[in-house]
Amino acid sequence: MTKSLRWIIGTTAIAAPRLHLISEFGIDSLKAKVFSPSAIALFLIGISLNLAVALLPLPDILQILGSLFRNVGLIAMGITVIRKPL
């Protein structure tokens, strides 16, 4: 087994459980209708792009776009929480 193949397998083993938790959070949030669907979609798209850039040889600009989408989604979720009445 080559060094790069071992790295890819190791990285995937670390990232896959985290992606599962994040996607589970997104699906459960959509079902609960706590956050706006667009905020959750932005967050999940951003996380997916970040993971893809980490695992595949993609241009670095996609990492920046992924972070942008993820952060805008998190900001939108935060605004939703602040605006909800107690």
C-alpha atoms as a PDB file:
ATOM      1  CA  MET A   1       0.000   0.000   0.000  1.00  0.00           C
ATOM      2  CA  THR A   2       1.437   3.350  -0.996  1.00  0.00           C
ATOM      3  CA  LYS A   3       1.856   6.237   1.403  1.00  0.00           C
ATOM      4  CA  SER A   4      -0.711   8.399  -0.403  1.00  0.00           C
ATOM      5  CA  LEU A   5      -3.285   5.593  -0.387  1.00  0.00           C
ATOM      6  CA  ARG A   6      -2.796   5.104   3.364  1.00  0.00           C
ATOM      7  CA  TRP A   7      -3.276   8.859   3.842  1.00  0.00           C
ATOM      8  CA  ILE A   8      -6.530   8.842   1.842  1.00  0.00           C
ATOM      9  CA  ILE A   9      -7.885   5.855   3.766  1.00  0.00           C
ATOM     10  CA  GLY A  10      -6.909   7.426   7.098  1.00  0.00           C
ATOM     11  CA  THR A  11      -8.404  10.793   6.188  1.00  0.00           C
ATOM     12  CA  THR A  12     -11.633   9.171   5.027  1.00  0.00           C
ATOM     13  CA  ALA A  13     -11.880   7.132   8.231  1.00  0.00           C
ATOM     14  CA  ILE A  14     -11.575  10.329  10.267  1.00  0.00           C
ATOM     15  CA  ALA A  15     -13.893  12.470   8.111  1.00  0.00           C
ATOM     16  CA  ALA A  16     -16.691   9.977   7.390  1.00  0.00           C
ATOM     17  CA  PRO A  17     -18.125   9.811  10.943  1.00  0.00           C
ATOM     18  CA  ARG A  18     -18.058  13.597  11.194  1.00  0.00           C
ATOM     19  CA  LEU A  19     -19.864  13.954   7.877  1.00  0.00           C
ATOM     20  CA  HIS A  20     -22.484  11.499   9.100  1.00  0.00           C
ATOM     21  CA  LEU A  21     -23.083  13.573  12.233  1.00  0.00           C
ATOM     22  CA  ILE A  22     -23.282  16.788  10.256  1.00  0.00           C
ATOM     23  CA  SER A  23     -25.692  15.372   7.683  1.00  0.00           C
ATOM     24  CA  GLU A  24     -27.772  13.910  10.512  1.00  0.00           C
ATOM     25  CA  PHE A  25     -27.890  17.359  12.121  1.00  0.00           C
ATOM     26  CA  GLY A  26     -29.041  18.854   8.817  1.00  0.00           C
ATOM     27  CA  ILE A  27     -31.764  16.263   8.229  1.00  0.00           C
ATOM     28  CA  ASP A  28     -33.037  16.474  11.806  1.00  0.00           C
ATOM     29  CA  SER A  29     -33.065  20.278  11.645  1.00  0.00           C
ATOM     30  CA  LEU A  30     -35.082  20.172   8.442  1.00  0.00           C
ATOM     31  CA  LYS A  31     -37.593  17.793  10.046  1.00  0.00           C
ATOM     32  CA  ALA A  32     -37.893  19.922  13.197  1.00  0.00           C
ATOM     33  CA  LYS A  33     -38.286  23.124  11.159  1.00  0.00           C
ATOM     34  CA  VAL A  34     -36.221  25.021  13.721  1.00  0.00           C
ATOM     35  CA  PHE A  35     -34.007  26.749  11.152  1.00  0.00           C
ATOM     36  CA  SER A  36     -34.790  27.966   7.662  1.00  0.00           C
ATOM     37  CA  PRO A  37     -34.187  25.317   4.980  1.00  0.00           C
ATOM     38  CA  SER A  38     -31.961  27.703   3.034  1.00  0.00           C
ATOM     39  CA  ALA A  39     -29.670  28.191   6.054  1.00  0.00           C
ATOM     40  CA  ILE A  40     -29.340  24.443   6.540  1.00  0.00           C
ATOM     41  CA  ALA A  41     -28.742  23.906   2.821  1.00  0.00           C
ATOM     42  CA  LEU A  42     -25.967  26.513   2.783  1.00  0.00           C
ATOM     43  CA  PHE A  43     -24.359  24.947   5.842  1.00  0.00           C
ATOM     44  CA  LEU A  44     -24.465  21.416   4.380  1.00  0.00           C
ATOM     45  CA  ILE A  45     -23.192  22.541   0.960  1.00  0.00           C
ATOM     46  CA  GLY A  46     -20.301  24.338   2.626  1.00  0.00           C
ATOM     47  CA  ILE A  47     -19.359  21.361   4.789  1.00  0.00           C
ATOM     48  CA  SER A  48     -19.558  19.032   1.787  1.00  0.00           C
ATOM     49  CA  LEU A  49     -17.322  21.302  -0.284  1.00  0.00           C
ATOM     50  CA  ASN A  50     -14.780  21.533   2.532  1.00  0.00           C
ATOM     51  CA  LEU A  51     -14.705  17.754   2.853  1.00  0.00           C
ATOM     52  CA  ALA A  52     -14.388  17.270  -0.915  1.00  0.00           C
ATOM     53  CA  VAL A  53     -11.438  19.665  -1.087  1.00  0.00           C
ATOM     54  CA  ALA A  54      -9.774  17.846   1.805  1.00  0.00           C
ATOM     55  CA  LEU A  55     -10.122  14.437   0.142  1.00  0.00           C
ATOM     56  CA  LEU A  56      -9.768  15.233  -3.558  1.00  0.00           C
ATOM     57  CA  PRO A  57      -7.278  17.268  -5.589  1.00  0.00           C
ATOM     58  CA  LEU A  58      -9.553  20.262  -6.186  1.00  0.00           C
ATOM     59  CA  PRO A  59      -8.704  23.963  -6.566  1.00  0.00           C
ATOM     60  CA  ASP A  60      -8.222  25.886  -3.322  1.00  0.00           C
ATOM     61  CA  ILE A  61     -10.905  28.402  -4.281  1.00  0.00           C
ATOM     62  CA  LEU A  62     -13.487  25.709  -3.532  1.00  0.00           C
ATOM     63  CA  GLN A  63     -12.236  25.588   0.068  1.00  0.00           C
ATOM     64  CA  ILE A  64     -12.895  29.321   0.340  1.00  0.00           C
ATOM     65  CA  LEU A  65     -16.349  28.949  -1.221  1.00  0.00           C
ATOM     66  CA  GLY A  66     -17.149  26.038   1.085  1.00  0.00           C
ATOM     67  CA  SER A  67     -16.158  28.079   4.117  1.00  0.00           C
ATOM     68  CA  LEU A  68     -18.216  31.008   2.854  1.00  0.00           C
ATOM     69  CA  PHE A  69     -21.361  28.880   2.392  1.00  0.00           C
ATOM     70  CA  ARG A  70     -20.861  27.135   5.749  1.00  0.00           C
ATOM     71  CA  ASN A  71     -20.383  30.416   7.618  1.00  0.00           C
ATOM     72  CA  VAL A  72     -23.334  32.157   5.952  1.00  0.00           C
ATOM     73  CA  GLY A  73     -25.488  29.147   6.881  1.00  0.00           C
ATOM     74  CA  LEU A  74     -24.304  29.318  10.496  1.00  0.00           C
ATOM     75  CA  ILE A  75     -24.954  33.068  10.637  1.00  0.00           C
ATOM     76  CA  ALA A  76     -28.468  32.551   9.255  1.00  0.00           C
ATOM     77  CA  MET A  77     -29.123  29.844  11.866  1.00  0.00           C
ATOM     78  CA  GLY A  78     -27.881  32.179  14.592  1.00  0.00           C
ATOM     79  CA  ILE A  79     -30.159  34.969  13.409  1.00  0.00           C
ATOM     80  CA  THR A  80     -33.073  32.540  13.463  1.00  0.00           C
ATOM     81  CA  VAL A  81     -32.320  31.607  17.079  1.00  0.00           C
ATOM     82  CA  ILE A  82     -32.009  35.261  18.140  1.00  0.00           C
ATOM     83  CA  ARG A  83     -35.310  36.238  16.478  1.00  0.00           C
ATOM     84  CA  LYS A  84     -37.353  33.392  17.966  1.00  0.00           C
ATOM     85  CA  PRO A  85     -39.526  34.419  20.911  1.00  0.00           C
ATOM     86  CA  LEU A  86     -38.840  32.725  24.237  1.00  0.00           C
END
